[in-house]
């Protein structure tokens, strides 16, 4: 349910804000937060993003690994900061 909700939300934001995702077409972004056992793939195609569960041994164009505190800071709003780079 979380995966589908996230996918719908991201696509809504892309459409309502006229965000150009063309440069991301055919790109795969992996996102993992080990403390939450969260492992997702973001696949971009045709000006849409598809969110899927990540399985081991997959190839990504970008692999993002976050700690719990960094991930939670993304939910707080526009003032982002990076932790342990």
C-alpha atoms as a PDB file:
ATOM      1  CA  UNK A   1       0.000   0.000   0.000  1.00  0.00           C
ATOM      2  CA  UNK A   2       2.829   2.395   0.858  1.00  0.00           C
ATOM      3  CA  UNK A   3       4.511   1.775  -2.500  1.00  0.00           C
ATOM      4  CA  UNK A   4       1.333   2.505  -4.472  1.00  0.00           C
ATOM      5  CA  UNK A   5       0.530   5.608  -2.411  1.00  0.00           C
ATOM      6  CA  UNK A   6       4.053   6.928  -2.937  1.00  0.00           C
ATOM      7  CA  UNK A   7       3.848   6.276  -6.692  1.00  0.00           C
ATOM      8  CA  UNK A   8       0.507   8.082  -7.015  1.00  0.00           C
ATOM      9  CA  UNK A   9       1.738  11.013  -4.938  1.00  0.00           C
ATOM     10  CA  UNK A  10       4.952  11.433  -6.932  1.00  0.00           C
ATOM     11  CA  UNK A  11       3.131  11.263 -10.264  1.00  0.00           C
ATOM     12  CA  UNK A  12       0.549  13.768  -9.033  1.00  0.00           C
ATOM     13  CA  UNK A  13       3.339  16.171  -8.011  1.00  0.00           C
ATOM     14  CA  UNK A  14       5.087  15.696 -11.364  1.00  0.00           C
ATOM     15  CA  UNK A  15       1.881  16.406 -13.314  1.00  0.00           C
ATOM     16  CA  UNK A  16       0.509  19.308 -11.283  1.00  0.00           C
ATOM     17  CA  UNK A  17       3.854  21.111 -11.120  1.00  0.00           C
ATOM     18  CA  UNK A  18       4.850  20.488 -14.748  1.00  0.00           C
ATOM     19  CA  UNK A  19       8.098  18.816 -13.714  1.00  0.00           C
ATOM     20  CA  UNK A  20      10.157  17.719 -16.694  1.00  0.00           C
ATOM     21  CA  UNK A  21      11.330  14.160 -16.065  1.00  0.00           C
ATOM     22  CA  UNK A  22      12.481  13.487 -19.627  1.00  0.00           C
ATOM     23  CA  UNK A  23      16.158  13.341 -18.600  1.00  0.00           C
ATOM     24  CA  UNK A  24      15.227  10.577 -16.165  1.00  0.00           C
ATOM     25  CA  UNK A  25      13.505   8.370 -18.756  1.00  0.00           C
ATOM     26  CA  UNK A  26      14.802   4.794 -18.659  1.00  0.00           C
ATOM     27  CA  UNK A  27      16.704   5.493 -15.418  1.00  0.00           C
ATOM     28  CA  UNK A  28      16.427   3.428 -12.257  1.00  0.00           C
ATOM     29  CA  UNK A  29      16.986   4.882  -8.794  1.00  0.00           C
ATOM     30  CA  UNK A  30      17.366   2.562  -5.818  1.00  0.00           C
ATOM     31  CA  UNK A  31      16.477   3.880  -2.354  1.00  0.00           C
ATOM     32  CA  UNK A  32      17.124   1.957   0.839  1.00  0.00           C
ATOM     33  CA  UNK A  33      16.762   2.712   4.532  1.00  0.00           C
ATOM     34  CA  UNK A  34      17.997  -0.378   6.350  1.00  0.00           C
ATOM     35  CA  UNK A  35      16.629   0.627   9.778  1.00  0.00           C
ATOM     36  CA  UNK A  36      13.087   0.613   8.296  1.00  0.00           C
ATOM     37  CA  UNK A  37      13.717  -2.364   6.001  1.00  0.00           C
ATOM     38  CA  UNK A  38      12.688  -0.011   3.170  1.00  0.00           C
ATOM     39  CA  UNK A  39      14.032  -0.937  -0.270  1.00  0.00           C
ATOM     40  CA  UNK A  40      12.407   0.711  -3.281  1.00  0.00           C
ATOM     41  CA  UNK A  41      13.123   1.213  -6.953  1.00  0.00           C
ATOM     42  CA  UNK A  42      12.006   4.303  -8.823  1.00  0.00           C
ATOM     43  CA  UNK A  43      11.774   3.596 -12.550  1.00  0.00           C
ATOM     44  CA  UNK A  44      11.179   6.545 -14.875  1.00  0.00           C
ATOM     45  CA  UNK A  45       9.400   6.074 -18.207  1.00  0.00           C
ATOM     46  CA  UNK A  46       7.131   8.263 -20.359  1.00  0.00           C
ATOM     47  CA  UNK A  47       7.093  11.201 -17.918  1.00  0.00           C
ATOM     48  CA  UNK A  48       5.977   8.924 -15.090  1.00  0.00           C
ATOM     49  CA  UNK A  49       7.651   7.283 -12.146  1.00  0.00           C
ATOM     50  CA  UNK A  50       6.910   3.699 -11.165  1.00  0.00           C
ATOM     51  CA  UNK A  51       7.725   2.622  -7.612  1.00  0.00           C
ATOM     52  CA  UNK A  52       8.581  -1.044  -7.110  1.00  0.00           C
ATOM     53  CA  UNK A  53      10.023  -3.208  -4.386  1.00  0.00           C
ATOM     54  CA  UNK A  54      13.762  -3.763  -4.663  1.00  0.00           C
ATOM     55  CA  UNK A  55      15.179  -7.253  -4.836  1.00  0.00           C
ATOM     56  CA  UNK A  56      18.806  -8.178  -4.228  1.00  0.00           C
ATOM     57  CA  UNK A  57      21.345  -8.057  -7.043  1.00  0.00           C
ATOM     58  CA  UNK A  58      19.648  -5.337  -9.084  1.00  0.00           C
ATOM     59  CA  UNK A  59      21.437  -2.705 -11.143  1.00  0.00           C
ATOM     60  CA  UNK A  60      20.708   0.978 -10.646  1.00  0.00           C
ATOM     61  CA  UNK A  61      21.700   4.200 -12.319  1.00  0.00           C
ATOM     62  CA  UNK A  62      21.708   5.786  -8.851  1.00  0.00           C
ATOM     63  CA  UNK A  63      21.795   3.950  -5.519  1.00  0.00           C
ATOM     64  CA  UNK A  64      20.690   6.034  -2.516  1.00  0.00           C
ATOM     65  CA  UNK A  65      21.268   4.624   0.962  1.00  0.00           C
ATOM     66  CA  UNK A  66      19.967   6.707   3.837  1.00  0.00           C
ATOM     67  CA  UNK A  67      20.078   6.459   7.584  1.00  0.00           C
ATOM     68  CA  UNK A  68      16.778   6.740   9.434  1.00  0.00           C
ATOM     69  CA  UNK A  69      17.391  10.339  10.544  1.00  0.00           C
ATOM     70  CA  UNK A  70      18.220  11.513   7.019  1.00  0.00           C
ATOM     71  CA  UNK A  71      15.138   9.804   5.582  1.00  0.00           C
ATOM     72  CA  UNK A  72      12.848  11.309   8.231  1.00  0.00           C
ATOM     73  CA  UNK A  73      14.295  14.771   7.578  1.00  0.00           C
ATOM     74  CA  UNK A  74      13.011  14.492   3.988  1.00  0.00           C
ATOM     75  CA  UNK A  75       9.468  14.331   5.360  1.00  0.00           C
ATOM     76  CA  UNK A  76       9.839  17.521   7.396  1.00  0.00           C
ATOM     77  CA  UNK A  77       9.732  19.892   4.447  1.00  0.00           C
ATOM     78  CA  UNK A  78      11.968  22.017   2.263  1.00  0.00           C
ATOM     79  CA  UNK A  79      14.846  22.605   4.695  1.00  0.00           C
ATOM     80  CA  UNK A  80      16.890  19.512   3.934  1.00  0.00           C
ATOM     81  CA  UNK A  81      20.261  18.675   5.407  1.00  0.00           C
ATOM     82  CA  UNK A  82      22.666  15.845   4.788  1.00  0.00           C
ATOM     83  CA  UNK A  83      23.954  13.554   7.515  1.00  0.00           C
ATOM     84  CA  UNK A  84      27.165  11.468   7.451  1.00  0.00           C
ATOM     85  CA  UNK A  85      28.229  12.072   3.894  1.00  0.00           C
END
